[in-house]
PDB file of N, CA and C in Angstrom:
ATOM      1  N   MET A   1      10.000  26.219  -0.191  1.00  0.00           N
ATOM      2  CA  MET A   1       8.883  25.292  -0.135  1.00  0.00           C
ATOM      3  C   MET A   1       7.583  26.056  -0.385  1.00  0.00           C
ATOM      4  N   THR A   2       6.717  25.478  -1.185  1.00  0.00           N
ATOM      5  CA  THR A   2       5.440  26.100  -1.507  1.00  0.00           C
ATOM      6  C   THR A   2       4.377  25.663  -0.506  1.00  0.00           C
ATOM      7  N   GLU A   3       3.652  26.632   0.036  1.00  0.00           N
ATOM      8  CA  GLU A   3       2.543  26.300   0.940  1.00  0.00           C
ATOM      9  C   GLU A   3       1.382  25.774   0.130  1.00  0.00           C
ATOM     10  N   GLN A   4       0.719  24.791   0.687  1.00  0.00           N
ATOM     11  CA  GLN A   4      -0.459  24.264   0.027  1.00  0.00           C
ATOM     12  C   GLN A   4      -1.694  24.653   0.821  1.00  0.00           C
ATOM     13  N   TYR A   5      -2.712  25.052   0.104  1.00  0.00           N
ATOM     14  CA  TYR A   5      -3.978  25.412   0.721  1.00  0.00           C
ATOM     15  C   TYR A   5      -5.045  24.441   0.240  1.00  0.00           C
ATOM     16  N   PRO A   6      -5.999  24.130   1.088  1.00  0.00           N
ATOM     17  CA  PRO A   6      -7.054  23.216   0.660  1.00  0.00           C
ATOM     18  C   PRO A   6      -7.873  23.800  -0.479  1.00  0.00           C
ATOM     19  N   GLN A   7      -8.147  22.981  -1.469  1.00  0.00           N
ATOM     20  CA  GLN A   7      -9.033  23.347  -2.572  1.00  0.00           C
ATOM     21  C   GLN A   7     -10.339  22.590  -2.331  1.00  0.00           C
ATOM     22  N   TRP A   8     -11.266  23.251  -1.656  1.00  0.00           N
ATOM     23  CA  TRP A   8     -12.504  22.619  -1.211  1.00  0.00           C
ATOM     24  C   TRP A   8     -13.466  22.385  -2.352  1.00  0.00           C
ATOM     25  N   PHE A   9     -14.168  21.252  -2.310  1.00  0.00           N
ATOM     26  CA  PHE A   9     -15.250  21.008  -3.253  1.00  0.00           C
ATOM     27  C   PHE A   9     -16.296  20.104  -2.613  1.00  0.00           C
ATOM     28  N   THR A  10     -17.500  20.182  -3.141  1.00  0.00           N
ATOM     29  CA  THR A  10     -18.581  19.306  -2.708  1.00  0.00           C
ATOM     30  C   THR A  10     -18.885  18.316  -3.832  1.00  0.00           C
ATOM     31  N   SER A  11     -19.504  17.243  -3.489  1.00  0.00           N
ATOM     32  CA  SER A  11     -19.868  16.225  -4.461  1.00  0.00           C
ATOM     33  C   SER A  11     -20.860  16.778  -5.476  1.00  0.00           C
ATOM     34  N   SER A  12     -20.774  16.274  -6.683  1.00  0.00           N
ATOM     35  CA  SER A  12     -21.745  16.672  -7.710  1.00  0.00           C
ATOM     36  C   SER A  12     -23.135  16.132  -7.393  1.00  0.00           C
ATOM     37  N   TYR A  13     -23.230  15.223  -6.443  1.00  0.00           N
ATOM     38  CA  TYR A  13     -24.517  14.659  -6.028  1.00  0.00           C
ATOM     39  C   TYR A  13     -25.166  15.465  -4.912  1.00  0.00           C
ATOM     40  N   SER A  14     -24.555  16.547  -4.485  1.00  0.00           N
ATOM     41  CA  SER A  14     -25.039  17.294  -3.327  1.00  0.00           C
ATOM     42  C   SER A  14     -26.004  18.404  -3.713  1.00  0.00           C
ATOM     43  N   ALA A  15     -27.181  18.135  -4.042  1.00  0.00           N
ATOM     44  CA  ALA A  15     -28.272  19.081  -4.322  1.00  0.00           C
ATOM     45  C   ALA A  15     -27.863  20.546  -4.243  1.00  0.00           C
ATOM     46  N   ASP A  16     -27.149  21.020  -5.218  1.00  0.00           N
ATOM     47  CA  ASP A  16     -26.718  22.425  -5.309  1.00  0.00           C
ATOM     48  C   ASP A  16     -25.913  22.894  -4.106  1.00  0.00           C
ATOM     49  N   GLY A  17     -25.070  22.054  -3.543  1.00  0.00           N
ATOM     50  CA  GLY A  17     -24.212  22.459  -2.438  1.00  0.00           C
ATOM     51  C   GLY A  17     -24.955  22.695  -1.145  1.00  0.00           C
ATOM     52  N   GLY A  18     -26.080  22.057  -0.952  1.00  0.00           N
ATOM     53  CA  GLY A  18     -26.898  22.240   0.253  1.00  0.00           C
ATOM     54  C   GLY A  18     -26.271  21.646   1.487  1.00  0.00           C
ATOM     55  N   ASN A  19     -27.006  20.798   2.160  1.00  0.00           N
ATOM     56  CA  ASN A  19     -26.524  20.170   3.389  1.00  0.00           C
ATOM     57  C   ASN A  19     -25.519  19.083   3.044  1.00  0.00           C
ATOM     58  N   CYS A  20     -24.276  19.447   3.019  1.00  0.00           N
ATOM     59  CA  CYS A  20     -23.262  18.525   2.538  1.00  0.00           C
ATOM     60  C   CYS A  20     -21.940  18.770   3.260  1.00  0.00           C
ATOM     61  N   VAL A  21     -20.976  17.951   2.933  1.00  0.00           N
ATOM     62  CA  VAL A  21     -19.622  18.174   3.412  1.00  0.00           C
ATOM     63  C   VAL A  21     -18.757  18.573   2.228  1.00  0.00           C
ATOM     64  N   GLU A  22     -17.649  19.207   2.541  1.00  0.00           N
ATOM     65  CA  GLU A  22     -16.668  19.562   1.521  1.00  0.00           C
ATOM     66  C   GLU A  22     -15.383  18.817   1.855  1.00  0.00           C
ATOM     67  N   VAL A  23     -14.645  18.443   0.832  1.00  0.00           N
ATOM     68  CA  VAL A  23     -13.363  17.780   1.027  1.00  0.00           C
ATOM     69  C   VAL A  23     -12.299  18.506   0.212  1.00  0.00           C
ATOM     70  N   ALA A  24     -11.052  18.327   0.619  1.00  0.00           N
ATOM     71  CA  ALA A  24      -9.923  18.928  -0.094  1.00  0.00           C
ATOM     72  C   ALA A  24      -8.900  17.835  -0.372  1.00  0.00           C
ATOM     73  N   VAL A  25      -9.158  17.060  -1.424  1.00  0.00           N
ATOM     74  CA  VAL A  25      -8.285  15.923  -1.723  1.00  0.00           C
ATOM     75  C   VAL A  25      -6.910  16.340  -2.249  1.00  0.00           C
ATOM     76  N   ASN A  26      -6.741  17.590  -2.602  1.00  0.00           N
ATOM     77  CA  ASN A  26      -5.443  18.026  -3.114  1.00  0.00           C
ATOM     78  C   ASN A  26      -4.337  17.906  -2.069  1.00  0.00           C
ATOM     79  N   LEU A  27      -4.684  17.853  -0.788  1.00  0.00           N
ATOM     80  CA  LEU A  27      -3.667  17.749   0.261  1.00  0.00           C
ATOM     81  C   LEU A  27      -3.314  16.303   0.603  1.00  0.00           C
ATOM     82  N   ALA A  28      -4.058  15.343   0.087  1.00  0.00           N
ATOM     83  CA  ALA A  28      -3.837  13.934   0.431  1.00  0.00           C
ATOM     84  C   ALA A  28      -2.418  13.448   0.121  1.00  0.00           C
ATOM     85  N   PRO A  29      -1.868  13.724  -1.060  1.00  0.00           N
ATOM     86  CA  PRO A  29      -0.543  13.177  -1.355  1.00  0.00           C
ATOM     87  C   PRO A  29       0.564  13.680  -0.416  1.00  0.00           C
ATOM     88  N   SER A  30       0.502  14.923  -0.023  1.00  0.00           N
ATOM     89  CA  SER A  30       1.585  15.478   0.795  1.00  0.00           C
ATOM     90  C   SER A  30       1.346  15.378   2.296  1.00  0.00           C
ATOM     91  N   HIS A  31       0.102  15.187   2.724  1.00  0.00           N
ATOM     92  CA  HIS A  31      -0.212  15.169   4.152  1.00  0.00           C
ATOM     93  C   HIS A  31      -0.798  13.847   4.650  1.00  0.00           C
ATOM     94  N   ASP A  32      -1.094  12.917   3.745  1.00  0.00           N
ATOM     95  CA  ASP A  32      -1.764  11.653   4.074  1.00  0.00           C
ATOM     96  C   ASP A  32      -3.050  11.895   4.848  1.00  0.00           C
ATOM     97  N   ARG A  33      -3.714  12.976   4.544  1.00  0.00           N
ATOM     98  CA  ARG A  33      -4.992  13.325   5.162  1.00  0.00           C
ATOM     99  C   ARG A  33      -5.890  13.963   4.111  1.00  0.00           C
ATOM    100  N   VAL A  34      -7.193  13.726   4.264  1.00  0.00           N
ATOM    101  CA  VAL A  34      -8.187  14.409   3.450  1.00  0.00           C
ATOM    102  C   VAL A  34      -8.984  15.290   4.406  1.00  0.00           C
ATOM    103  N   PRO A  35      -8.817  16.606   4.342  1.00  0.00           N
ATOM    104  CA  PRO A  35      -9.601  17.493   5.195  1.00  0.00           C
ATOM    105  C   PRO A  35     -11.080  17.451   4.806  1.00  0.00           C
ATOM    106  N   VAL A  36     -11.944  17.410   5.804  1.00  0.00           N
ATOM    107  CA  VAL A  36     -13.394  17.363   5.603  1.00  0.00           C
ATOM    108  C   VAL A  36     -14.024  18.431   6.490  1.00  0.00           C
ATOM    109  N   ARG A  37     -14.980  19.188   5.947  1.00  0.00           N
ATOM    110  CA  ARG A  37     -15.668  20.212   6.747  1.00  0.00           C
ATOM    111  C   ARG A  37     -17.133  20.310   6.330  1.00  0.00           C
ATOM    112  N   ASP A  38     -17.922  20.964   7.156  1.00  0.00           N
ATOM    113  CA  ASP A  38     -19.341  21.206   6.892  1.00  0.00           C
ATOM    114  C   ASP A  38     -19.455  22.346   5.881  1.00  0.00           C
ATOM    115  N   SER A  39     -20.181  22.113   4.795  1.00  0.00           N
ATOM    116  CA  SER A  39     -20.295  23.139   3.759  1.00  0.00           C
ATOM    117  C   SER A  39     -21.053  24.377   4.224  1.00  0.00           C
ATOM    118  N   LYS A  40     -21.840  24.252   5.288  1.00  0.00           N
ATOM    119  CA  LYS A  40     -22.608  25.400   5.795  1.00  0.00           C
ATOM    120  C   LYS A  40     -21.823  26.202   6.825  1.00  0.00           C
ATOM    121  N   CYS A  41     -20.688  25.674   7.270  1.00  0.00           N
ATOM    122  CA  CYS A  41     -19.901  26.331   8.322  1.00  0.00           C
ATOM    123  C   CYS A  41     -18.427  26.281   7.927  1.00  0.00           C
ATOM    124  N   VAL A  42     -18.085  27.015   6.877  1.00  0.00           N
ATOM    125  CA  VAL A  42     -16.736  26.920   6.316  1.00  0.00           C
ATOM    126  C   VAL A  42     -15.641  27.419   7.252  1.00  0.00           C
ATOM    127  N   ASP A  43     -15.991  28.205   8.251  1.00  0.00           N
ATOM    128  CA  ASP A  43     -15.002  28.659   9.226  1.00  0.00           C
ATOM    129  C   ASP A  43     -14.974  27.774  10.463  1.00  0.00           C
ATOM    130  N   GLY A  44     -15.754  26.703  10.438  1.00  0.00           N
ATOM    131  CA  GLY A  44     -15.836  25.785  11.566  1.00  0.00           C
ATOM    132  C   GLY A  44     -14.692  24.785  11.557  1.00  0.00           C
ATOM    133  N   PRO A  45     -14.830  23.754  12.366  1.00  0.00           N
ATOM    134  CA  PRO A  45     -13.754  22.762  12.485  1.00  0.00           C
ATOM    135  C   PRO A  45     -13.566  21.944  11.201  1.00  0.00           C
ATOM    136  N   VAL A  46     -12.360  21.451  11.045  1.00  0.00           N
ATOM    137  CA  VAL A  46     -11.996  20.588   9.927  1.00  0.00           C
ATOM    138  C   VAL A  46     -11.500  19.274  10.510  1.00  0.00           C
ATOM    139  N   VAL A  47     -11.989  18.172   9.971  1.00  0.00           N
ATOM    140  CA  VAL A  47     -11.555  16.851  10.395  1.00  0.00           C
ATOM    141  C   VAL A  47     -10.578  16.332   9.345  1.00  0.00           C
ATOM    142  N   GLY A  48      -9.414  15.894   9.783  1.00  0.00           N
ATOM    143  CA  GLY A  48      -8.436  15.313   8.871  1.00  0.00           C
ATOM    144  C   GLY A  48      -8.568  13.797   8.883  1.00  0.00           C
ATOM    145  N   VAL A  49      -9.045  13.226   7.793  1.00  0.00           N
ATOM    146  CA  VAL A  49      -9.249  11.782   7.692  1.00  0.00           C
ATOM    147  C   VAL A  49      -8.077  11.182   6.921  1.00  0.00           C
ATOM    148  N   ARG A  50      -7.477  10.134   7.466  1.00  0.00           N
ATOM    149  CA  ARG A  50      -6.351   9.498   6.768  1.00  0.00           C
ATOM    150  C   ARG A  50      -6.783   9.083   5.365  1.00  0.00           C
ATOM    151  N   THR A  51      -5.878   9.212   4.420  1.00  0.00           N
ATOM    152  CA  THR A  51      -6.177   8.963   3.018  1.00  0.00           C
ATOM    153  C   THR A  51      -6.732   7.556   2.783  1.00  0.00           C
ATOM    154  N   ALA A  52      -6.134   6.543   3.390  1.00  0.00           N
ATOM    155  CA  ALA A  52      -6.603   5.163   3.195  1.00  0.00           C
ATOM    156  C   ALA A  52      -8.015   4.972   3.735  1.00  0.00           C
ATOM    157  N   VAL A  53      -8.318   5.604   4.860  1.00  0.00           N
ATOM    158  CA  VAL A  53      -9.650   5.494   5.458  1.00  0.00           C
ATOM    159  C   VAL A  53     -10.671   6.200   4.568  1.00  0.00           C
ATOM    160  N   PHE A  54     -10.321   7.368   4.066  1.00  0.00           N
ATOM    161  CA  PHE A  54     -11.228   8.095   3.178  1.00  0.00           C
ATOM    162  C   PHE A  54     -11.481   7.296   1.897  1.00  0.00           C
ATOM    163  N   SER A  55     -10.431   6.705   1.344  1.00  0.00           N
ATOM    164  CA  SER A  55     -10.580   5.893   0.129  1.00  0.00           C
ATOM    165  C   SER A  55     -11.492   4.696   0.379  1.00  0.00           C
ATOM    166  N   ALA A  56     -11.349   4.050   1.543  1.00  0.00           N
ATOM    167  CA  ALA A  56     -12.213   2.917   1.883  1.00  0.00           C
ATOM    168  C   ALA A  56     -13.662   3.370   2.032  1.00  0.00           C
ATOM    169  N   PHE A  57     -13.873   4.542   2.621  1.00  0.00           N
ATOM    170  CA  PHE A  57     -15.227   5.091   2.759  1.00  0.00           C
ATOM    171  C   PHE A  57     -15.851   5.344   1.386  1.00  0.00           C
ATOM    172  N   VAL A  58     -15.110   5.983   0.492  1.00  0.00           N
ATOM    173  CA  VAL A  58     -15.625   6.273  -0.851  1.00  0.00           C
ATOM    174  C   VAL A  58     -15.942   4.967  -1.586  1.00  0.00           C
ATOM    175  N   ALA A  59     -15.077   3.976  -1.465  1.00  0.00           N
ATOM    176  CA  ALA A  59     -15.328   2.679  -2.102  1.00  0.00           C
ATOM    177  C   ALA A  59     -16.606   2.046  -1.541  1.00  0.00           C
ATOM    178  N   GLY A  60     -16.821   2.185  -0.237  1.00  0.00           N
ATOM    179  CA  GLY A  60     -18.039   1.663   0.376  1.00  0.00           C
ATOM    180  C   GLY A  60     -19.282   2.368  -0.125  1.00  0.00           C
ATOM    181  N   VAL A  61     -19.196   3.662  -0.281  1.00  0.00           N
ATOM    182  CA  VAL A  61     -20.335   4.428  -0.817  1.00  0.00           C
ATOM    183  C   VAL A  61     -20.630   3.973  -2.242  1.00  0.00           C
ATOM    184  N   GLN A  62     -19.599   3.858  -3.058  1.00  0.00           N
ATOM    185  CA  GLN A  62     -19.791   3.436  -4.449  1.00  0.00           C
ATOM    186  C   GLN A  62     -20.351   2.025  -4.547  1.00  0.00           C
ATOM    187  N   ALA A  63     -20.012   1.171  -3.576  1.00  0.00           N
ATOM    188  CA  ALA A  63     -20.483  -0.215  -3.595  1.00  0.00           C
ATOM    189  C   ALA A  63     -21.891  -0.363  -3.000  1.00  0.00           C
ATOM    190  N   GLY A  64     -22.425   0.723  -2.435  1.00  0.00           N
ATOM    191  CA  GLY A  64     -23.765   0.670  -1.847  1.00  0.00           C
ATOM    192  C   GLY A  64     -23.795   0.171  -0.423  1.00  0.00           C
ATOM    193  N   THR A  65     -22.647   0.083   0.225  1.00  0.00           N
ATOM    194  CA  THR A  65     -22.559  -0.415   1.594  1.00  0.00           C
ATOM    195  C   THR A  65     -23.433   0.360   2.564  1.00  0.00           C
ATOM    196  N   PHE A  66     -23.616   1.635   2.353  1.00  0.00           N
ATOM    197  CA  PHE A  66     -24.334   2.481   3.300  1.00  0.00           C
ATOM    198  C   PHE A  66     -25.756   2.801   2.851  1.00  0.00           C
ATOM    199  N   ASP A  67     -26.211   2.168   1.788  1.00  0.00           N
ATOM    200  CA  ASP A  67     -27.576   2.404   1.308  1.00  0.00           C
ATOM    201  C   ASP A  67     -28.589   1.929   2.350  1.00  0.00           C
ATOM    202  N   ALA A  68     -29.682   2.653   2.453  1.00  0.00           N
ATOM    203  CA  ALA A  68     -30.755   2.256   3.383  1.00  0.00           C
ATOM    204  C   ALA A  68     -31.388   0.966   2.875  1.00  0.00           C
ATOM    205  N   ALA A  69     -31.774   0.138   3.813  1.00  0.00           N
ATOM    206  CA  ALA A  69     -32.372  -1.160   3.440  1.00  0.00           C
ATOM    207  C   ALA A  69     -33.737  -1.001   2.834  1.00  0.00           C
TER     208      ALA A  69
END
């Protein structure tokens, strides 16, 4: 069995990788989780968000659900 390691990336919208989060979607198919961490604290805690919940969040962002009024 091959071990999988997170392949972290930040959004292209994140002002040069500044105050942002990183995600590792490569683990979603095999773990049903999307690891999320603080880009400024890469050795800090990682939150595992269920794939369906993460997908719903991304869809909400794309739809403008979280835009300031």
